[in-house]
Amino acid sequence: MEASSALVEARLSSAGIDPVATGWLGADYAVTGGSFPVRVRGVGVVAAVTASGLSSQEDHDLIVEGIRQHLAA
């Protein structure tokens, strides 16, 4: 999907799509914030930064802040 999981969650929610009901995911999985793709210009997505254990929004915010601090260093 090449987007943060928070963005994927928001897109599905706004479209009224339940990924479990559609069979995309098993009941043991959820589409929530907490993973962010790492892209290299000219290459594409090479990794993902992931956090878990807080709320979906807090996981996403933690990743975004960490990336901001890294890029500012």
PDB file of N, CA and C in Angstrom:
ATOM      1  N   MET A   1       0.819  -1.192   0.000  1.00  0.00           N
ATOM      2  CA  MET A   1       0.000   0.000   0.000  1.00  0.00           C
ATOM      3  C   MET A   1       0.859   1.252   0.000  1.00  0.00           C
ATOM      4  N   GLU A   2       2.124   1.118   0.362  1.00  0.00           N
ATOM      5  CA  GLU A   2       3.093   2.208   0.317  1.00  0.00           C
ATOM      6  C   GLU A   2       2.619   3.487   0.987  1.00  0.00           C
ATOM      7  N   ALA A   3       1.915   3.360   2.099  1.00  0.00           N
ATOM      8  CA  ALA A   3       1.437   4.503   2.876  1.00  0.00           C
ATOM      9  C   ALA A   3       1.493   4.115   4.345  1.00  0.00           C
ATOM     10  N   SER A   4       1.474   5.105   5.217  1.00  0.00           N
ATOM     11  CA  SER A   4       1.446   4.784   6.642  1.00  0.00           C
ATOM     12  C   SER A   4       0.171   4.013   6.957  1.00  0.00           C
ATOM     13  N   SER A   5       0.252   3.158   7.953  1.00  0.00           N
ATOM     14  CA  SER A   5      -0.938   2.378   8.311  1.00  0.00           C
ATOM     15  C   SER A   5      -2.049   3.280   8.831  1.00  0.00           C
ATOM     16  N   ALA A   6      -1.701   4.429   9.418  1.00  0.00           N
ATOM     17  CA  ALA A   6      -2.731   5.380   9.862  1.00  0.00           C
ATOM     18  C   ALA A   6      -3.488   5.943   8.661  1.00  0.00           C
ATOM     19  N   LEU A   7      -2.773   6.220   7.567  1.00  0.00           N
ATOM     20  CA  LEU A   7      -3.430   6.724   6.360  1.00  0.00           C
ATOM     21  C   LEU A   7      -4.306   5.643   5.731  1.00  0.00           C
ATOM     22  N   VAL A   8      -3.821   4.411   5.701  1.00  0.00           N
ATOM     23  CA  VAL A   8      -4.622   3.307   5.166  1.00  0.00           C
ATOM     24  C   VAL A   8      -5.885   3.132   5.997  1.00  0.00           C
ATOM     25  N   GLU A   9      -5.736   3.187   7.324  1.00  0.00           N
ATOM     26  CA  GLU A   9      -6.892   3.083   8.224  1.00  0.00           C
ATOM     27  C   GLU A   9      -7.910   4.186   7.918  1.00  0.00           C
ATOM     28  N   ALA A  10      -7.437   5.420   7.755  1.00  0.00           N
ATOM     29  CA  ALA A  10      -8.334   6.550   7.486  1.00  0.00           C
ATOM     30  C   ALA A  10      -9.032   6.400   6.137  1.00  0.00           C
ATOM     31  N   ARG A  11      -8.297   5.956   5.130  1.00  0.00           N
ATOM     32  CA  ARG A  11      -8.892   5.779   3.799  1.00  0.00           C
ATOM     33  C   ARG A  11      -9.985   4.709   3.819  1.00  0.00           C
ATOM     34  N   LEU A  12      -9.702   3.576   4.468  1.00  0.00           N
ATOM     35  CA  LEU A  12     -10.693   2.501   4.542  1.00  0.00           C
ATOM     36  C   LEU A  12     -11.924   2.949   5.318  1.00  0.00           C
ATOM     37  N   SER A  13     -11.687   3.632   6.434  1.00  0.00           N
ATOM     38  CA  SER A  13     -12.794   4.095   7.266  1.00  0.00           C
ATOM     39  C   SER A  13     -13.678   5.080   6.507  1.00  0.00           C
ATOM     40  N   SER A  14     -13.050   6.031   5.815  1.00  0.00           N
ATOM     41  CA  SER A  14     -13.846   7.029   5.091  1.00  0.00           C
ATOM     42  C   SER A  14     -14.616   6.408   3.925  1.00  0.00           C
ATOM     43  N   ALA A  15     -14.114   5.290   3.411  1.00  0.00           N
ATOM     44  CA  ALA A  15     -14.809   4.596   2.320  1.00  0.00           C
ATOM     45  C   ALA A  15     -15.826   3.586   2.844  1.00  0.00           C
ATOM     46  N   GLY A  16     -15.888   3.444   4.181  1.00  0.00           N
ATOM     47  CA  GLY A  16     -16.830   2.504   4.776  1.00  0.00           C
ATOM     48  C   GLY A  16     -16.454   1.047   4.568  1.00  0.00           C
ATOM     49  N   ILE A  17     -15.162   0.777   4.406  1.00  0.00           N
ATOM     50  CA  ILE A  17     -14.692  -0.585   4.148  1.00  0.00           C
ATOM     51  C   ILE A  17     -14.174  -1.212   5.438  1.00  0.00           C
ATOM     52  N   ASP A  18     -14.665  -2.398   5.769  1.00  0.00           N
ATOM     53  CA  ASP A  18     -14.180  -3.185   6.903  1.00  0.00           C
ATOM     54  C   ASP A  18     -13.304  -4.298   6.337  1.00  0.00           C
ATOM     55  N   PRO A  19     -11.951  -4.214   6.506  1.00  0.00           N
ATOM     56  CA  PRO A  19     -11.067  -5.200   5.886  1.00  0.00           C
ATOM     57  C   PRO A  19     -11.302  -6.630   6.378  1.00  0.00           C
ATOM     58  N   VAL A  20     -11.750  -6.803   7.609  1.00  0.00           N
ATOM     59  CA  VAL A  20     -12.034  -8.150   8.115  1.00  0.00           C
ATOM     60  C   VAL A  20     -13.267  -8.710   7.409  1.00  0.00           C
ATOM     61  N   ALA A  21     -14.312  -7.896   7.284  1.00  0.00           N
ATOM     62  CA  ALA A  21     -15.549  -8.346   6.635  1.00  0.00           C
ATOM     63  C   ALA A  21     -15.333  -8.670   5.159  1.00  0.00           C
ATOM     64  N   THR A  22     -14.387  -7.992   4.514  1.00  0.00           N
ATOM     65  CA  THR A  22     -14.133  -8.246   3.097  1.00  0.00           C
ATOM     66  C   THR A  22     -13.247  -9.466   2.891  1.00  0.00           C
ATOM     67  N   GLY A  23     -12.661  -9.977   3.970  1.00  0.00           N
ATOM     68  CA  GLY A  23     -11.772 -11.123   3.854  1.00  0.00           C
ATOM     69  C   GLY A  23     -10.327 -10.749   3.595  1.00  0.00           C
ATOM     70  N   TRP A  24     -10.020  -9.447   3.581  1.00  0.00           N
ATOM     71  CA  TRP A  24      -8.638  -9.023   3.367  1.00  0.00           C
ATOM     72  C   TRP A  24      -7.743  -9.445   4.522  1.00  0.00           C
ATOM     73  N   LEU A  25      -8.300  -9.412   5.729  1.00  0.00           N
ATOM     74  CA  LEU A  25      -7.536  -9.747   6.929  1.00  0.00           C
ATOM     75  C   LEU A  25      -8.301 -10.754   7.758  1.00  0.00           C
ATOM     76  N   GLY A  26      -7.564 -11.568   8.489  1.00  0.00           N
ATOM     77  CA  GLY A  26      -8.203 -12.444   9.452  1.00  0.00           C
ATOM     78  C   GLY A  26      -8.624 -11.643  10.670  1.00  0.00           C
ATOM     79  N   ALA A  27      -9.460 -12.221  11.495  1.00  0.00           N
ATOM     80  CA  ALA A  27      -9.965 -11.527  12.687  1.00  0.00           C
ATOM     81  C   ALA A  27      -8.860 -11.207  13.687  1.00  0.00           C
ATOM     82  N   ASP A  28      -7.699 -11.855  13.573  1.00  0.00           N
ATOM     83  CA  ASP A  28      -6.586 -11.606  14.493  1.00  0.00           C
ATOM     84  C   ASP A  28      -5.774 -10.371  14.114  1.00  0.00           C
ATOM     85  N   TYR A  29      -6.101  -9.714  13.020  1.00  0.00           N
ATOM     86  CA  TYR A  29      -5.338  -8.572  12.533  1.00  0.00           C
ATOM     87  C   TYR A  29      -6.206  -7.323  12.486  1.00  0.00           C
ATOM     88  N   ALA A  30      -5.549  -6.182  12.492  1.00  0.00           N
ATOM     89  CA  ALA A  30      -6.278  -4.917  12.426  1.00  0.00           C
ATOM     90  C   ALA A  30      -5.484  -3.925  11.583  1.00  0.00           C
ATOM     91  N   VAL A  31      -6.182  -3.035  10.925  1.00  0.00           N
ATOM     92  CA  VAL A  31      -5.538  -1.942  10.200  1.00  0.00           C
ATOM     93  C   VAL A  31      -5.603  -0.739  11.128  1.00  0.00           C
ATOM     94  N   THR A  32      -4.466  -0.429  11.745  1.00  0.00           N
ATOM     95  CA  THR A  32      -4.391   0.694  12.677  1.00  0.00           C
ATOM     96  C   THR A  32      -3.073   1.430  12.467  1.00  0.00           C
ATOM     97  N   GLY A  33      -2.991   2.627  12.994  1.00  0.00           N
ATOM     98  CA  GLY A  33      -1.758   3.389  12.912  1.00  0.00           C
ATOM     99  C   GLY A  33      -0.639   2.689  13.657  1.00  0.00           C
ATOM    100  N   GLY A  34       0.590   2.918  13.218  1.00  0.00           N
ATOM    101  CA  GLY A  34       1.738   2.358  13.911  1.00  0.00           C
ATOM    102  C   GLY A  34       2.822   1.827  12.994  1.00  0.00           C
ATOM    103  N   SER A  35       2.692   2.015  11.700  1.00  0.00           N
ATOM    104  CA  SER A  35       3.741   1.600  10.771  1.00  0.00           C
ATOM    105  C   SER A  35       3.861   2.651   9.669  1.00  0.00           C
ATOM    106  N   PHE A  36       5.090   2.935   9.288  1.00  0.00           N
ATOM    107  CA  PHE A  36       5.365   4.036   8.363  1.00  0.00           C
ATOM    108  C   PHE A  36       6.435   3.586   7.375  1.00  0.00           C
ATOM    109  N   PRO A  37       6.189   3.672   6.069  1.00  0.00           N
ATOM    110  CA  PRO A  37       7.179   3.216   5.091  1.00  0.00           C
ATOM    111  C   PRO A  37       8.390   4.142   5.014  1.00  0.00           C
ATOM    112  N   VAL A  38       9.557   3.547   4.765  1.00  0.00           N
ATOM    113  CA  VAL A  38      10.791   4.305   4.563  1.00  0.00           C
ATOM    114  C   VAL A  38      11.150   4.176   3.088  1.00  0.00           C
ATOM    115  N   ARG A  39      11.214   5.306   2.419  1.00  0.00           N
ATOM    116  CA  ARG A  39      11.506   5.315   0.980  1.00  0.00           C
ATOM    117  C   ARG A  39      12.903   5.874   0.721  1.00  0.00           C
ATOM    118  N   VAL A  40      13.550   5.331  -0.288  1.00  0.00           N
ATOM    119  CA  VAL A  40      14.816   5.858  -0.788  1.00  0.00           C
ATOM    120  C   VAL A  40      14.545   6.364  -2.200  1.00  0.00           C
ATOM    121  N   ARG A  41      14.868   7.621  -2.429  1.00  0.00           N
ATOM    122  CA  ARG A  41      14.627   8.229  -3.742  1.00  0.00           C
ATOM    123  C   ARG A  41      15.295   7.386  -4.828  1.00  0.00           C
ATOM    124  N   GLY A  42      14.556   7.081  -5.859  1.00  0.00           N
ATOM    125  CA  GLY A  42      15.073   6.291  -6.965  1.00  0.00           C
ATOM    126  C   GLY A  42      15.012   4.790  -6.743  1.00  0.00           C
ATOM    127  N   VAL A  43      14.653   4.378  -5.522  1.00  0.00           N
ATOM    128  CA  VAL A  43      14.589   2.948  -5.199  1.00  0.00           C
ATOM    129  C   VAL A  43      13.173   2.540  -4.829  1.00  0.00           C
ATOM    130  N   GLY A  44      12.557   3.299  -3.934  1.00  0.00           N
ATOM    131  CA  GLY A  44      11.212   2.975  -3.456  1.00  0.00           C
ATOM    132  C   GLY A  44      11.223   2.637  -1.980  1.00  0.00           C
ATOM    133  N   VAL A  45      10.223   1.904  -1.542  1.00  0.00           N
ATOM    134  CA  VAL A  45      10.119   1.528  -0.128  1.00  0.00           C
ATOM    135  C   VAL A  45      11.157   0.453   0.171  1.00  0.00           C
ATOM    136  N   VAL A  46      11.993   0.709   1.188  1.00  0.00           N
ATOM    137  CA  VAL A  46      13.055  -0.234   1.545  1.00  0.00           C
ATOM    138  C   VAL A  46      12.892  -0.799   2.945  1.00  0.00           C
ATOM    139  N   ALA A  47      12.031  -0.192   3.744  1.00  0.00           N
ATOM    140  CA  ALA A  47      11.857  -0.638   5.127  1.00  0.00           C
ATOM    141  C   ALA A  47      10.594  -0.009   5.690  1.00  0.00           C
ATOM    142  N   ALA A  48      10.300  -0.356   6.924  1.00  0.00           N
ATOM    143  CA  ALA A  48       9.179   0.264   7.636  1.00  0.00           C
ATOM    144  C   ALA A  48       9.587   0.500   9.079  1.00  0.00           C
ATOM    145  N   VAL A  49       9.154   1.610   9.623  1.00  0.00           N
ATOM    146  CA  VAL A  49       9.320   1.904  11.046  1.00  0.00           C
ATOM    147  C   VAL A  49       7.987   1.553  11.690  1.00  0.00           C
ATOM    148  N   THR A  50       8.028   0.756  12.751  1.00  0.00           N
ATOM    149  CA  THR A  50       6.794   0.284  13.374  1.00  0.00           C
ATOM    150  C   THR A  50       6.847   0.471  14.880  1.00  0.00           C
ATOM    151  N   ALA A  51       5.730   0.879  15.450  1.00  0.00           N
ATOM    152  CA  ALA A  51       5.582   0.999  16.904  1.00  0.00           C
ATOM    153  C   ALA A  51       4.276   0.328  17.294  1.00  0.00           C
ATOM    154  N   SER A  52       4.249  -0.219  18.496  1.00  0.00           N
ATOM    155  CA  SER A  52       3.036  -0.876  18.974  1.00  0.00           C
ATOM    156  C   SER A  52       3.002  -0.791  20.489  1.00  0.00           C
ATOM    157  N   GLY A  53       1.803  -0.752  21.040  1.00  0.00           N
ATOM    158  CA  GLY A  53       1.668  -0.751  22.491  1.00  0.00           C
ATOM    159  C   GLY A  53       0.934   0.458  23.027  1.00  0.00           C
ATOM    160  N   LEU A  54       0.876   1.504  22.231  1.00  0.00           N
ATOM    161  CA  LEU A  54       0.122   2.695  22.611  1.00  0.00           C
ATOM    162  C   LEU A  54      -1.173   2.689  21.807  1.00  0.00           C
ATOM    163  N   SER A  55      -1.913   3.765  21.846  1.00  0.00           N
ATOM    164  CA  SER A  55      -3.086   3.849  20.972  1.00  0.00           C
ATOM    165  C   SER A  55      -2.599   3.960  19.532  1.00  0.00           C
ATOM    166  N   SER A  56      -3.471   3.707  18.602  1.00  0.00           N
ATOM    167  CA  SER A  56      -3.130   3.799  17.184  1.00  0.00           C
ATOM    168  C   SER A  56      -2.540   5.169  16.856  1.00  0.00           C
ATOM    169  N   GLN A  57      -3.177   6.228  17.317  1.00  0.00           N
ATOM    170  CA  GLN A  57      -2.696   7.586  17.041  1.00  0.00           C
ATOM    171  C   GLN A  57      -1.364   7.851  17.729  1.00  0.00           C
ATOM    172  N   GLU A  58      -1.203   7.397  18.965  1.00  0.00           N
ATOM    173  CA  GLU A  58       0.058   7.608  19.681  1.00  0.00           C
ATOM    174  C   GLU A  58       1.203   6.838  19.027  1.00  0.00           C
ATOM    175  N   ASP A  59       0.941   5.612  18.558  1.00  0.00           N
ATOM    176  CA  ASP A  59       1.968   4.859  17.828  1.00  0.00           C
ATOM    177  C   ASP A  59       2.411   5.649  16.600  1.00  0.00           C
ATOM    178  N   HIS A  60       1.459   6.151  15.827  1.00  0.00           N
ATOM    179  CA  HIS A  60       1.764   6.927  14.621  1.00  0.00           C
ATOM    180  C   HIS A  60       2.545   8.196  14.977  1.00  0.00           C
ATOM    181  N   ASP A  61       2.077   8.916  15.986  1.00  0.00           N
ATOM    182  CA  ASP A  61       2.744  10.162  16.389  1.00  0.00           C
ATOM    183  C   ASP A  61       4.174   9.907  16.853  1.00  0.00           C
ATOM    184  N   LEU A  62       4.401   8.808  17.570  1.00  0.00           N
ATOM    185  CA  LEU A  62       5.741   8.452  18.039  1.00  0.00           C
ATOM    186  C   LEU A  62       6.681   8.244  16.852  1.00  0.00           C
ATOM    187  N   ILE A  63       6.217   7.532  15.852  1.00  0.00           N
ATOM    188  CA  ILE A  63       7.030   7.289  14.654  1.00  0.00           C
ATOM    189  C   ILE A  63       7.328   8.597  13.926  1.00  0.00           C
ATOM    190  N   VAL A  64       6.311   9.410  13.712  1.00  0.00           N
ATOM    191  CA  VAL A  64       6.498  10.679  12.998  1.00  0.00           C
ATOM    192  C   VAL A  64       7.500  11.563  13.736  1.00  0.00           C
ATOM    193  N   GLU A  65       7.379  11.657  15.048  1.00  0.00           N
ATOM    194  CA  GLU A  65       8.311  12.485  15.821  1.00  0.00           C
ATOM    195  C   GLU A  65       9.731  11.928  15.749  1.00  0.00           C
ATOM    196  N   GLY A  66       9.874  10.619  15.825  1.00  0.00           N
ATOM    197  CA  GLY A  66      11.201  10.004  15.712  1.00  0.00           C
ATOM    198  C   GLY A  66      11.841  10.281  14.362  1.00  0.00           C
ATOM    199  N   ILE A  67      11.064  10.180  13.303  1.00  0.00           N
ATOM    200  CA  ILE A  67      11.582  10.468  11.964  1.00  0.00           C
ATOM    201  C   ILE A  67      11.947  11.949  11.853  1.00  0.00           C
ATOM    202  N   ARG A  68      11.100  12.823  12.387  1.00  0.00           N
ATOM    203  CA  ARG A  68      11.412  14.271  12.360  1.00  0.00           C
ATOM    204  C   ARG A  68      12.738  14.560  13.057  1.00  0.00           C
ATOM    205  N   GLN A  69      12.926  13.976  14.240  1.00  0.00           N
ATOM    206  CA  GLN A  69      14.160  14.208  14.987  1.00  0.00           C
ATOM    207  C   GLN A  69      15.368  13.657  14.237  1.00  0.00           C
ATOM    208  N   HIS A  70      15.215  12.496  13.636  1.00  0.00           N
ATOM    209  CA  HIS A  70      16.320  11.901  12.883  1.00  0.00           C
ATOM    210  C   HIS A  70      16.704  12.784  11.693  1.00  0.00           C
ATOM    211  N   LEU A  71      15.717  13.257  10.955  1.00  0.00           N
ATOM    212  CA  LEU A  71      16.002  14.084   9.785  1.00  0.00           C
ATOM    213  C   LEU A  71      16.580  15.445  10.163  1.00  0.00           C
ATOM    214  N   ALA A  72      16.257  15.935  11.357  1.00  0.00           N
ATOM    215  CA  ALA A  72      16.766  17.230  11.811  1.00  0.00           C
ATOM    216  C   ALA A  72      18.193  17.133  12.353  1.00  0.00           C
ATOM    217  N   ALA A  73      18.640  15.927  12.662  1.00  0.00           N
ATOM    218  CA  ALA A  73      19.974  15.743  13.275  1.00  0.00           C
ATOM    219  C   ALA A  73      21.092  15.963  12.272  1.00  0.00           C
TER     220      ALA A  73
END
